N, C-alpha and C. Protein backbone atom coordinates (compact mmCIF):
# COMPACT_ATOMS: atom_id res chain seq x y z
N MET A 1 -64.22 28.77 -75.47
CA MET A 1 -64.01 29.24 -74.11
C MET A 1 -65.02 28.59 -73.16
N TYR A 2 -66.26 28.46 -73.59
CA TYR A 2 -67.32 27.89 -72.75
C TYR A 2 -66.99 26.47 -72.33
N THR A 3 -66.51 25.66 -73.27
CA THR A 3 -66.22 24.26 -72.93
C THR A 3 -65.03 24.15 -71.99
N ILE A 4 -64.06 25.04 -72.11
CA ILE A 4 -62.91 25.01 -71.21
C ILE A 4 -63.36 25.31 -69.78
N VAL A 5 -64.21 26.31 -69.62
CA VAL A 5 -64.73 26.65 -68.30
C VAL A 5 -65.55 25.49 -67.74
N CYS A 6 -66.40 24.88 -68.57
CA CYS A 6 -67.21 23.74 -68.13
C CYS A 6 -66.32 22.59 -67.69
N ASP A 7 -65.26 22.31 -68.42
CA ASP A 7 -64.35 21.22 -68.06
C ASP A 7 -63.66 21.50 -66.74
N ILE A 8 -63.26 22.75 -66.51
CA ILE A 8 -62.61 23.12 -65.26
C ILE A 8 -63.58 22.95 -64.09
N VAL A 9 -64.80 23.45 -64.28
CA VAL A 9 -65.83 23.32 -63.23
C VAL A 9 -66.14 21.86 -62.98
N LYS A 10 -66.29 21.09 -64.02
CA LYS A 10 -66.62 19.67 -63.90
C LYS A 10 -65.52 18.93 -63.14
N ASP A 11 -64.26 19.18 -63.49
CA ASP A 11 -63.14 18.53 -62.81
C ASP A 11 -63.10 18.89 -61.33
N ARG A 12 -63.33 20.17 -61.03
CA ARG A 12 -63.31 20.62 -59.63
C ARG A 12 -64.47 20.01 -58.84
N MET A 13 -65.65 19.97 -59.44
CA MET A 13 -66.80 19.38 -58.78
C MET A 13 -66.57 17.90 -58.50
N GLU A 14 -66.02 17.20 -59.48
CA GLU A 14 -65.76 15.76 -59.31
C GLU A 14 -64.78 15.54 -58.16
N LYS A 15 -63.73 16.35 -58.10
CA LYS A 15 -62.74 16.23 -57.03
C LYS A 15 -63.39 16.48 -55.66
N ASP A 16 -64.17 17.55 -55.55
CA ASP A 16 -64.82 17.88 -54.28
C ASP A 16 -65.82 16.82 -53.86
N PHE A 17 -66.64 16.34 -54.79
CA PHE A 17 -67.61 15.29 -54.47
C PHE A 17 -66.90 14.00 -54.07
N ASN A 18 -65.84 13.64 -54.76
CA ASN A 18 -65.12 12.41 -54.42
C ASN A 18 -64.53 12.48 -53.02
N GLU A 19 -64.01 13.65 -52.64
CA GLU A 19 -63.47 13.82 -51.29
C GLU A 19 -64.57 13.63 -50.25
N ALA A 20 -65.75 14.20 -50.50
CA ALA A 20 -66.87 14.10 -49.56
C ALA A 20 -67.45 12.69 -49.52
N LEU A 21 -67.52 12.01 -50.66
CA LEU A 21 -68.15 10.70 -50.75
C LEU A 21 -67.22 9.56 -50.33
N ARG A 22 -65.94 9.84 -50.22
CA ARG A 22 -64.96 8.80 -49.88
C ARG A 22 -65.31 8.13 -48.54
N VAL A 23 -65.80 8.91 -47.59
CA VAL A 23 -66.18 8.39 -46.28
C VAL A 23 -67.26 7.32 -46.40
N LEU A 24 -68.13 7.47 -47.38
CA LEU A 24 -69.22 6.52 -47.59
C LEU A 24 -68.83 5.36 -48.50
N GLY A 25 -67.59 5.37 -49.00
CA GLY A 25 -67.14 4.31 -49.90
C GLY A 25 -67.65 4.48 -51.32
N LEU A 26 -67.98 5.71 -51.70
CA LEU A 26 -68.51 6.00 -53.04
C LEU A 26 -67.58 6.93 -53.79
N MET A 27 -67.76 7.00 -55.10
CA MET A 27 -67.05 7.95 -55.94
C MET A 27 -67.91 8.33 -57.13
N VAL A 28 -67.62 9.47 -57.71
CA VAL A 28 -68.36 9.96 -58.87
C VAL A 28 -67.82 9.26 -60.11
N SER A 29 -68.71 8.60 -60.85
CA SER A 29 -68.27 7.97 -62.09
C SER A 29 -68.66 8.80 -63.31
N SER A 30 -69.60 9.74 -63.12
CA SER A 30 -70.01 10.59 -64.23
C SER A 30 -70.70 11.85 -63.71
N ILE A 31 -70.42 12.98 -64.34
CA ILE A 31 -71.12 14.23 -64.06
C ILE A 31 -71.68 14.74 -65.37
N LYS A 32 -72.97 15.05 -65.37
CA LYS A 32 -73.62 15.60 -66.56
C LYS A 32 -74.35 16.88 -66.17
N PHE A 33 -74.36 17.83 -67.07
CA PHE A 33 -75.10 19.07 -66.88
C PHE A 33 -76.30 19.04 -67.80
N GLU A 34 -77.47 19.32 -67.24
CA GLU A 34 -78.69 19.38 -68.04
C GLU A 34 -79.32 20.75 -67.87
N ASN A 35 -79.88 21.25 -68.93
CA ASN A 35 -80.50 22.57 -68.90
C ASN A 35 -82.00 22.42 -69.17
N LYS A 36 -82.71 21.80 -68.23
CA LYS A 36 -84.15 21.60 -68.39
C LYS A 36 -84.91 22.71 -67.67
N LEU A 37 -85.06 22.60 -66.38
CA LEU A 37 -85.71 23.63 -65.57
C LEU A 37 -84.62 24.36 -64.80
N GLY A 38 -83.83 25.12 -65.49
CA GLY A 38 -82.65 25.71 -64.88
C GLY A 38 -81.48 24.77 -65.11
N LEU A 39 -80.41 24.97 -64.40
CA LEU A 39 -79.24 24.12 -64.56
C LEU A 39 -79.31 22.97 -63.56
N ASN A 40 -79.29 21.76 -64.06
CA ASN A 40 -79.28 20.56 -63.21
C ASN A 40 -77.93 19.87 -63.35
N VAL A 41 -77.44 19.36 -62.23
CA VAL A 41 -76.21 18.58 -62.23
C VAL A 41 -76.60 17.15 -61.87
N VAL A 42 -76.29 16.21 -62.77
CA VAL A 42 -76.63 14.81 -62.57
C VAL A 42 -75.34 14.05 -62.26
N LEU A 43 -75.32 13.43 -61.08
CA LEU A 43 -74.16 12.65 -60.66
C LEU A 43 -74.46 11.17 -60.77
N GLU A 44 -73.54 10.44 -61.33
CA GLU A 44 -73.62 8.98 -61.34
C GLU A 44 -72.55 8.50 -60.37
N LEU A 45 -72.96 7.72 -59.38
CA LEU A 45 -72.04 7.25 -58.34
C LEU A 45 -71.75 5.77 -58.49
N SER A 46 -70.59 5.38 -58.03
CA SER A 46 -70.24 3.97 -57.98
C SER A 46 -69.45 3.71 -56.71
N MET A 47 -69.30 2.45 -56.38
CA MET A 47 -68.53 2.09 -55.19
C MET A 47 -67.05 2.36 -55.43
N ASN A 48 -66.39 2.85 -54.41
CA ASN A 48 -64.96 3.13 -54.50
C ASN A 48 -64.19 1.89 -54.07
N THR A 49 -63.87 1.05 -55.02
CA THR A 49 -63.17 -0.20 -54.71
C THR A 49 -61.67 0.02 -54.51
N GLU A 50 -61.15 1.14 -54.95
CA GLU A 50 -59.72 1.42 -54.79
C GLU A 50 -59.36 1.51 -53.31
N ASP A 51 -60.18 2.19 -52.50
CA ASP A 51 -59.92 2.30 -51.07
C ASP A 51 -59.99 0.94 -50.39
N GLU A 52 -60.93 0.09 -50.79
CA GLU A 52 -61.06 -1.25 -50.22
C GLU A 52 -59.81 -2.08 -50.51
N ASN A 53 -59.30 -1.98 -51.75
CA ASN A 53 -58.10 -2.74 -52.12
C ASN A 53 -56.91 -2.28 -51.30
N ILE A 54 -56.80 -0.98 -51.03
CA ILE A 54 -55.70 -0.46 -50.24
C ILE A 54 -55.80 -0.98 -48.81
N LYS A 55 -57.02 -0.96 -48.22
CA LYS A 55 -57.23 -1.43 -46.85
C LYS A 55 -56.89 -2.91 -46.73
N MET A 56 -57.26 -3.72 -47.73
CA MET A 56 -57.01 -5.16 -47.67
C MET A 56 -55.53 -5.49 -47.77
N ASN A 57 -54.79 -4.67 -48.53
CA ASN A 57 -53.36 -4.92 -48.71
C ASN A 57 -52.53 -4.48 -47.52
N ASN A 58 -53.07 -3.66 -46.65
CA ASN A 58 -52.31 -3.16 -45.48
C ASN A 58 -52.52 -4.00 -44.28
C-alpha cells in the first residue's frame, strides 16, 4: 500500500512541477524521496526539448 501511495504522489508532483517549469523550458527528469533530516524531495531537471521541437515545426 505504501508504494502505491508514493507512486501516486510522485506522479502528481511530477505533473505539477512540469506544468510550472514549462514556462522556463525545463522538465522533471527524476524525483527522489530521501529521509535524512525529515522528508526531502530531490528533483532532477532537464531542458524540455519537446516544446522547442513543436515551436520549430510550426
